[in-house]
Amino acid sequence: DVALRNSITGLRVVNARNTYYEAGDLLDGAAIDKYSFMRDAYIQRREYQINEGREDREPLMPVYENPYE
């Protein structure tokens, strides 16, 4: 039914807009510097995607000690 499909699509659009609006409120309330907040959130999300959700990950490169210290 076309009317039902259009109603459901409209409801999804309104719900998505509300979700993003609430995220904007979170950003305004939580971050002093919006740029650094968004940057850190993006980096955290990318690390999660790259590591496929694993938290106990190995470093990408070996960690060497400084022999001169």
PDB file of N, CA and C in Angstrom:
ATOM      1  N   ASP A   1       0.845  -1.175   0.000  1.00  0.00           N
ATOM      2  CA  ASP A   1       0.000   0.000   0.000  1.00  0.00           C
ATOM      3  C   ASP A   1       0.894   1.243   0.000  1.00  0.00           C
ATOM      4  N   VAL A   2       0.684   2.119  -0.950  1.00  0.00           N
ATOM      5  CA  VAL A   2       1.529   3.304  -1.133  1.00  0.00           C
ATOM      6  C   VAL A   2       1.375   4.284   0.020  1.00  0.00           C
ATOM      7  N   ALA A   3       0.166   4.488   0.483  1.00  0.00           N
ATOM      8  CA  ALA A   3      -0.067   5.433   1.579  1.00  0.00           C
ATOM      9  C   ALA A   3       0.641   4.982   2.855  1.00  0.00           C
ATOM     10  N   LEU A   4       0.578   3.712   3.151  1.00  0.00           N
ATOM     11  CA  LEU A   4       1.255   3.179   4.334  1.00  0.00           C
ATOM     12  C   LEU A   4       2.767   3.333   4.208  1.00  0.00           C
ATOM     13  N   ARG A   5       3.305   3.009   3.027  1.00  0.00           N
ATOM     14  CA  ARG A   5       4.744   3.139   2.800  1.00  0.00           C
ATOM     15  C   ARG A   5       5.194   4.586   2.973  1.00  0.00           C
ATOM     16  N   ASN A   6       4.435   5.528   2.424  1.00  0.00           N
ATOM     17  CA  ASN A   6       4.794   6.942   2.545  1.00  0.00           C
ATOM     18  C   ASN A   6       4.706   7.421   3.988  1.00  0.00           C
ATOM     19  N   SER A   7       3.734   6.940   4.727  1.00  0.00           N
ATOM     20  CA  SER A   7       3.601   7.309   6.140  1.00  0.00           C
ATOM     21  C   SER A   7       4.786   6.799   6.949  1.00  0.00           C
ATOM     22  N   ILE A   8       5.183   5.569   6.697  1.00  0.00           N
ATOM     23  CA  ILE A   8       6.325   4.991   7.413  1.00  0.00           C
ATOM     24  C   ILE A   8       7.606   5.737   7.059  1.00  0.00           C
ATOM     25  N   THR A   9       7.780   6.081   5.787  1.00  0.00           N
ATOM     26  CA  THR A   9       8.964   6.837   5.369  1.00  0.00           C
ATOM     27  C   THR A   9       8.993   8.199   6.050  1.00  0.00           C
ATOM     28  N   GLY A  10       7.858   8.871   6.113  1.00  0.00           N
ATOM     29  CA  GLY A  10       7.783  10.165   6.793  1.00  0.00           C
ATOM     30  C   GLY A  10       8.123  10.054   8.263  1.00  0.00           C
ATOM     31  N   LEU A  11       7.638   9.012   8.902  1.00  0.00           N
ATOM     32  CA  LEU A  11       7.942   8.789  10.312  1.00  0.00           C
ATOM     33  C   LEU A  11       9.434   8.547  10.519  1.00  0.00           C
ATOM     34  N   ARG A  12      10.054   7.803   9.632  1.00  0.00           N
ATOM     35  CA  ARG A  12      11.498   7.559   9.731  1.00  0.00           C
ATOM     36  C   ARG A  12      12.291   8.851   9.581  1.00  0.00           C
ATOM     37  N   VAL A  13      11.864   9.719   8.674  1.00  0.00           N
ATOM     38  CA  VAL A  13      12.555  10.999   8.471  1.00  0.00           C
ATOM     39  C   VAL A  13      12.458  11.859   9.724  1.00  0.00           C
ATOM     40  N   VAL A  14      11.270  11.942  10.305  1.00  0.00           N
ATOM     41  CA  VAL A  14      11.082  12.736  11.521  1.00  0.00           C
ATOM     42  C   VAL A  14      11.906  12.152  12.663  1.00  0.00           C
ATOM     43  N   ASN A  15      11.932  10.842  12.794  1.00  0.00           N
ATOM     44  CA  ASN A  15      12.707  10.192  13.845  1.00  0.00           C
ATOM     45  C   ASN A  15      14.203  10.450  13.664  1.00  0.00           C
ATOM     46  N   ALA A  16      14.692  10.359  12.435  1.00  0.00           N
ATOM     47  CA  ALA A  16      16.114  10.605  12.170  1.00  0.00           C
ATOM     48  C   ALA A  16      16.476  12.048  12.495  1.00  0.00           C
ATOM     49  N   ARG A  17      15.612  12.979  12.133  1.00  0.00           N
ATOM     50  CA  ARG A  17      15.887  14.383  12.407  1.00  0.00           C
ATOM     51  C   ARG A  17      15.946  14.624  13.913  1.00  0.00           C
ATOM     52  N   ASN A  18      15.043  14.016  14.653  1.00  0.00           N
ATOM     53  CA  ASN A  18      15.034  14.156  16.100  1.00  0.00           C
ATOM     54  C   ASN A  18      16.306  13.575  16.712  1.00  0.00           C
ATOM     55  N   THR A  19      16.747  12.451  16.205  1.00  0.00           N
ATOM     56  CA  THR A  19      17.975  11.827  16.707  1.00  0.00           C
ATOM     57  C   THR A  19      19.169  12.747  16.493  1.00  0.00           C
ATOM     58  N   TYR A  20      19.281  13.325  15.299  1.00  0.00           N
ATOM     59  CA  TYR A  20      20.398  14.230  15.014  1.00  0.00           C
ATOM     60  C   TYR A  20      20.287  15.524  15.807  1.00  0.00           C
ATOM     61  N   TYR A  21      19.078  15.973  16.057  1.00  0.00           N
ATOM     62  CA  TYR A  21      18.876  17.176  16.861  1.00  0.00           C
ATOM     63  C   TYR A  21      19.372  16.943  18.285  1.00  0.00           C
ATOM     64  N   GLU A  22      19.055  15.773  18.840  1.00  0.00           N
ATOM     65  CA  GLU A  22      19.518  15.441  20.186  1.00  0.00           C
ATOM     66  C   GLU A  22      21.035  15.316  20.224  1.00  0.00           C
ATOM     67  N   ALA A  23      21.638  14.788  19.164  1.00  0.00           N
ATOM     68  CA  ALA A  23      23.099  14.692  19.103  1.00  0.00           C
ATOM     69  C   ALA A  23      23.714  16.084  19.077  1.00  0.00           C
ATOM     70  N   GLY A  24      23.072  17.015  18.398  1.00  0.00           N
ATOM     71  CA  GLY A  24      23.553  18.399  18.378  1.00  0.00           C
ATOM     72  C   GLY A  24      23.491  19.027  19.751  1.00  0.00           C
ATOM     73  N   ASP A  25      22.429  18.731  20.506  1.00  0.00           N
ATOM     74  CA  ASP A  25      22.329  19.226  21.875  1.00  0.00           C
ATOM     75  C   ASP A  25      23.441  18.648  22.742  1.00  0.00           C
ATOM     76  N   LEU A  26      23.752  17.377  22.546  1.00  0.00           N
ATOM     77  CA  LEU A  26      24.845  16.744  23.282  1.00  0.00           C
ATOM     78  C   LEU A  26      26.156  17.446  22.970  1.00  0.00           C
ATOM     79  N   LEU A  27      26.384  17.729  21.709  1.00  0.00           N
ATOM     80  CA  LEU A  27      27.612  18.409  21.293  1.00  0.00           C
ATOM     81  C   LEU A  27      27.703  19.782  21.936  1.00  0.00           C
ATOM     82  N   ASP A  28      26.611  20.524  21.945  1.00  0.00           N
ATOM     83  CA  ASP A  28      26.621  21.862  22.539  1.00  0.00           C
ATOM     84  C   ASP A  28      26.878  21.811  24.042  1.00  0.00           C
ATOM     85  N   GLY A  29      26.332  20.811  24.711  1.00  0.00           N
ATOM     86  CA  GLY A  29      26.470  20.735  26.155  1.00  0.00           C
ATOM     87  C   GLY A  29      27.771  20.115  26.629  1.00  0.00           C
ATOM     88  N   ALA A  30      28.346  19.220  25.846  1.00  0.00           N
ATOM     89  CA  ALA A  30      29.499  18.455  26.312  1.00  0.00           C
ATOM     90  C   ALA A  30      30.835  19.046  25.903  1.00  0.00           C
ATOM     91  N   ALA A  31      30.850  19.802  24.837  1.00  0.00           N
ATOM     92  CA  ALA A  31      32.138  20.214  24.284  1.00  0.00           C
ATOM     93  C   ALA A  31      32.341  21.713  24.424  1.00  0.00           C
ATOM     94  N   ILE A  32      33.501  22.065  24.935  1.00  0.00           N
ATOM     95  CA  ILE A  32      33.898  23.467  24.928  1.00  0.00           C
ATOM     96  C   ILE A  32      34.364  23.824  23.522  1.00  0.00           C
ATOM     97  N   ASP A  33      35.169  22.947  22.948  1.00  0.00           N
ATOM     98  CA  ASP A  33      35.670  23.128  21.586  1.00  0.00           C
ATOM     99  C   ASP A  33      35.011  22.076  20.701  1.00  0.00           C
ATOM    100  N   LYS A  34      34.061  22.496  19.880  1.00  0.00           N
ATOM    101  CA  LYS A  34      33.302  21.545  19.066  1.00  0.00           C
ATOM    102  C   LYS A  34      34.197  20.814  18.072  1.00  0.00           C
ATOM    103  N   TYR A  35      35.189  21.512  17.524  1.00  0.00           N
ATOM    104  CA  TYR A  35      36.071  20.872  16.545  1.00  0.00           C
ATOM    105  C   TYR A  35      36.821  19.704  17.174  1.00  0.00           C
ATOM    106  N   SER A  36      37.445  19.918  18.326  1.00  0.00           N
ATOM    107  CA  SER A  36      38.223  18.841  18.950  1.00  0.00           C
ATOM    108  C   SER A  36      37.311  17.697  19.395  1.00  0.00           C
ATOM    109  N   PHE A  37      36.105  18.007  19.842  1.00  0.00           N
ATOM    110  CA  PHE A  37      35.151  16.968  20.231  1.00  0.00           C
ATOM    111  C   PHE A  37      34.806  16.087  19.039  1.00  0.00           C
ATOM    112  N   MET A  38      34.486  16.702  17.897  1.00  0.00           N
ATOM    113  CA  MET A  38      34.129  15.947  16.693  1.00  0.00           C
ATOM    114  C   MET A  38      35.332  15.169  16.166  1.00  0.00           C
ATOM    115  N   ARG A  39      36.514  15.778  16.194  1.00  0.00           N
ATOM    116  CA  ARG A  39      37.726  15.102  15.729  1.00  0.00           C
ATOM    117  C   ARG A  39      38.006  13.862  16.567  1.00  0.00           C
ATOM    118  N   ASP A  40      37.955  14.009  17.876  1.00  0.00           N
ATOM    119  CA  ASP A  40      38.229  12.874  18.756  1.00  0.00           C
ATOM    120  C   ASP A  40      37.180  11.773  18.601  1.00  0.00           C
ATOM    121  N   ALA A  41      35.924  12.167  18.426  1.00  0.00           N
ATOM    122  CA  ALA A  41      34.872  11.170  18.213  1.00  0.00           C
ATOM    123  C   ALA A  41      35.095  10.424  16.903  1.00  0.00           C
ATOM    124  N   TYR A  42      35.494  11.147  15.861  1.00  0.00           N
ATOM    125  CA  TYR A  42      35.754  10.513  14.565  1.00  0.00           C
ATOM    126  C   TYR A  42      36.930   9.534  14.668  1.00  0.00           C
ATOM    127  N   ILE A  43      38.002   9.956  15.310  1.00  0.00           N
ATOM    128  CA  ILE A  43      39.184   9.097  15.444  1.00  0.00           C
ATOM    129  C   ILE A  43      38.838   7.847  16.251  1.00  0.00           C
ATOM    130  N   GLN A  44      38.078   8.015  17.316  1.00  0.00           N
ATOM    131  CA  GLN A  44      37.679   6.864  18.132  1.00  0.00           C
ATOM    132  C   GLN A  44      36.825   5.897  17.319  1.00  0.00           C
ATOM    133  N   ARG A  45      35.901   6.426  16.532  1.00  0.00           N
ATOM    134  CA  ARG A  45      35.045   5.564  15.703  1.00  0.00           C
ATOM    135  C   ARG A  45      35.861   4.830  14.650  1.00  0.00           C
ATOM    136  N   ARG A  46      36.821   5.508  14.008  1.00  0.00           N
ATOM    137  CA  ARG A  46      37.654   4.867  12.987  1.00  0.00           C
ATOM    138  C   ARG A  46      38.513   3.765  13.597  1.00  0.00           C
ATOM    139  N   GLU A  47      39.079   4.011  14.768  1.00  0.00           N
ATOM    140  CA  GLU A  47      39.868   2.974  15.434  1.00  0.00           C
ATOM    141  C   GLU A  47      38.998   1.758  15.736  1.00  0.00           C
ATOM    142  N   TYR A  48      37.768   1.993  16.153  1.00  0.00           N
ATOM    143  CA  TYR A  48      36.837   0.897  16.428  1.00  0.00           C
ATOM    144  C   TYR A  48      36.554   0.118  15.153  1.00  0.00           C
ATOM    145  N   GLN A  49      36.332   0.818  14.040  1.00  0.00           N
ATOM    146  CA  GLN A  49      36.058   0.151  12.768  1.00  0.00           C
ATOM    147  C   GLN A  49      37.280  -0.624  12.281  1.00  0.00           C
ATOM    148  N   ILE A  50      38.443  -0.032  12.385  1.00  0.00           N
ATOM    149  CA  ILE A  50      39.667  -0.680  11.914  1.00  0.00           C
ATOM    150  C   ILE A  50      39.950  -1.935  12.725  1.00  0.00           C
ATOM    151  N   ASN A  51      39.746  -1.858  14.035  1.00  0.00           N
ATOM    152  CA  ASN A  51      40.031  -2.994  14.918  1.00  0.00           C
ATOM    153  C   ASN A  51      38.851  -3.941  15.054  1.00  0.00           C
ATOM    154  N   GLU A  52      37.808  -3.708  14.287  1.00  0.00           N
ATOM    155  CA  GLU A  52      36.620  -4.564  14.266  1.00  0.00           C
ATOM    156  C   GLU A  52      36.034  -4.762  15.661  1.00  0.00           C
ATOM    157  N   GLY A  53      36.046  -3.704  16.447  1.00  0.00           N
ATOM    158  CA  GLY A  53      35.430  -3.739  17.760  1.00  0.00           C
ATOM    159  C   GLY A  53      36.273  -4.342  18.861  1.00  0.00           C
ATOM    160  N   ARG A  54      37.462  -4.836  18.532  1.00  0.00           N
ATOM    161  CA  ARG A  54      38.320  -5.427  19.564  1.00  0.00           C
ATOM    162  C   ARG A  54      38.986  -4.321  20.369  1.00  0.00           C
ATOM    163  N   GLU A  55      39.000  -4.481  21.662  1.00  0.00           N
ATOM    164  CA  GLU A  55      39.640  -3.483  22.507  1.00  0.00           C
ATOM    165  C   GLU A  55      41.075  -3.863  22.844  1.00  0.00           C
ATOM    166  N   ASP A  56      41.375  -5.144  22.864  1.00  0.00           N
ATOM    167  CA  ASP A  56      42.728  -5.595  23.188  1.00  0.00           C
ATOM    168  C   ASP A  56      43.513  -5.753  21.891  1.00  0.00           C
ATOM    169  N   ARG A  57      43.985  -4.653  21.383  1.00  0.00           N
ATOM    170  CA  ARG A  57      44.669  -4.678  20.096  1.00  0.00           C
ATOM    171  C   ARG A  57      46.165  -4.497  20.286  1.00  0.00           C
ATOM    172  N   GLU A  58      46.892  -5.014  19.352  1.00  0.00           N
ATOM    173  CA  GLU A  58      48.334  -4.835  19.334  1.00  0.00           C
ATOM    174  C   GLU A  58      48.648  -3.496  18.669  1.00  0.00           C
ATOM    175  N   PRO A  59      49.741  -2.848  19.046  1.00  0.00           N
ATOM    176  CA  PRO A  59      50.106  -1.607  18.357  1.00  0.00           C
ATOM    177  C   PRO A  59      50.395  -1.882  16.883  1.00  0.00           C
ATOM    178  N   LEU A  60      50.106  -0.901  16.042  1.00  0.00           N
ATOM    179  CA  LEU A  60      50.336  -1.073  14.614  1.00  0.00           C
ATOM    180  C   LEU A  60      51.822  -1.206  14.294  1.00  0.00           C
ATOM    181  N   MET A  61      52.649  -0.532  15.057  1.00  0.00           N
ATOM    182  CA  MET A  61      54.096  -0.626  14.857  1.00  0.00           C
ATOM    183  C   MET A  61      54.733  -1.051  16.172  1.00  0.00           C
ATOM    184  N   PRO A  62      55.848  -1.753  16.110  1.00  0.00           N
ATOM    185  CA  PRO A  62      56.507  -2.150  17.356  1.00  0.00           C
ATOM    186  C   PRO A  62      56.990  -0.922  18.126  1.00  0.00           C
ATOM    187  N   VAL A  63      56.965  -1.033  19.433  1.00  0.00           N
ATOM    188  CA  VAL A  63      57.423   0.053  20.287  1.00  0.00           C
ATOM    189  C   VAL A  63      58.857  -0.256  20.693  1.00  0.00           C
ATOM    190  N   TYR A  64      59.758   0.611  20.292  1.00  0.00           N
ATOM    191  CA  TYR A  64      61.167   0.438  20.619  1.00  0.00           C
ATOM    192  C   TYR A  64      61.545   1.386  21.741  1.00  0.00           C
ATOM    193  N   GLU A  65      62.421   0.916  22.613  1.00  0.00           N
ATOM    194  CA  GLU A  65      62.899   1.780  23.679  1.00  0.00           C
ATOM    195  C   GLU A  65      64.042   2.629  23.154  1.00  0.00           C
ATOM    196  N   ASN A  66      64.173   3.814  23.708  1.00  0.00           N
ATOM    197  CA  ASN A  66      65.245   4.716  23.317  1.00  0.00           C
ATOM    198  C   ASN A  66      66.525   4.270  24.023  1.00  0.00           C
ATOM    199  N   PRO A  67      67.556   3.840  23.278  1.00  0.00           N
ATOM    200  CA  PRO A  67      68.781   3.352  23.925  1.00  0.00           C
ATOM    201  C   PRO A  67      69.600   4.466  24.571  1.00  0.00           C
ATOM    202  N   TYR A  68      69.278   5.711  24.283  1.00  0.00           N
ATOM    203  CA  TYR A  68      70.059   6.834  24.791  1.00  0.00           C
ATOM    204  C   TYR A  68      69.495   7.422  26.070  1.00  0.00           C
ATOM    205  N   GLU A  69      68.428   6.862  26.573  1.00  0.00           N
ATOM    206  CA  GLU A  69      67.848   7.391  27.820  1.00  0.00           C
ATOM    207  C   GLU A  69      68.423   6.697  29.014  1.00  0.00           C
TER     208      GLU A  69
END
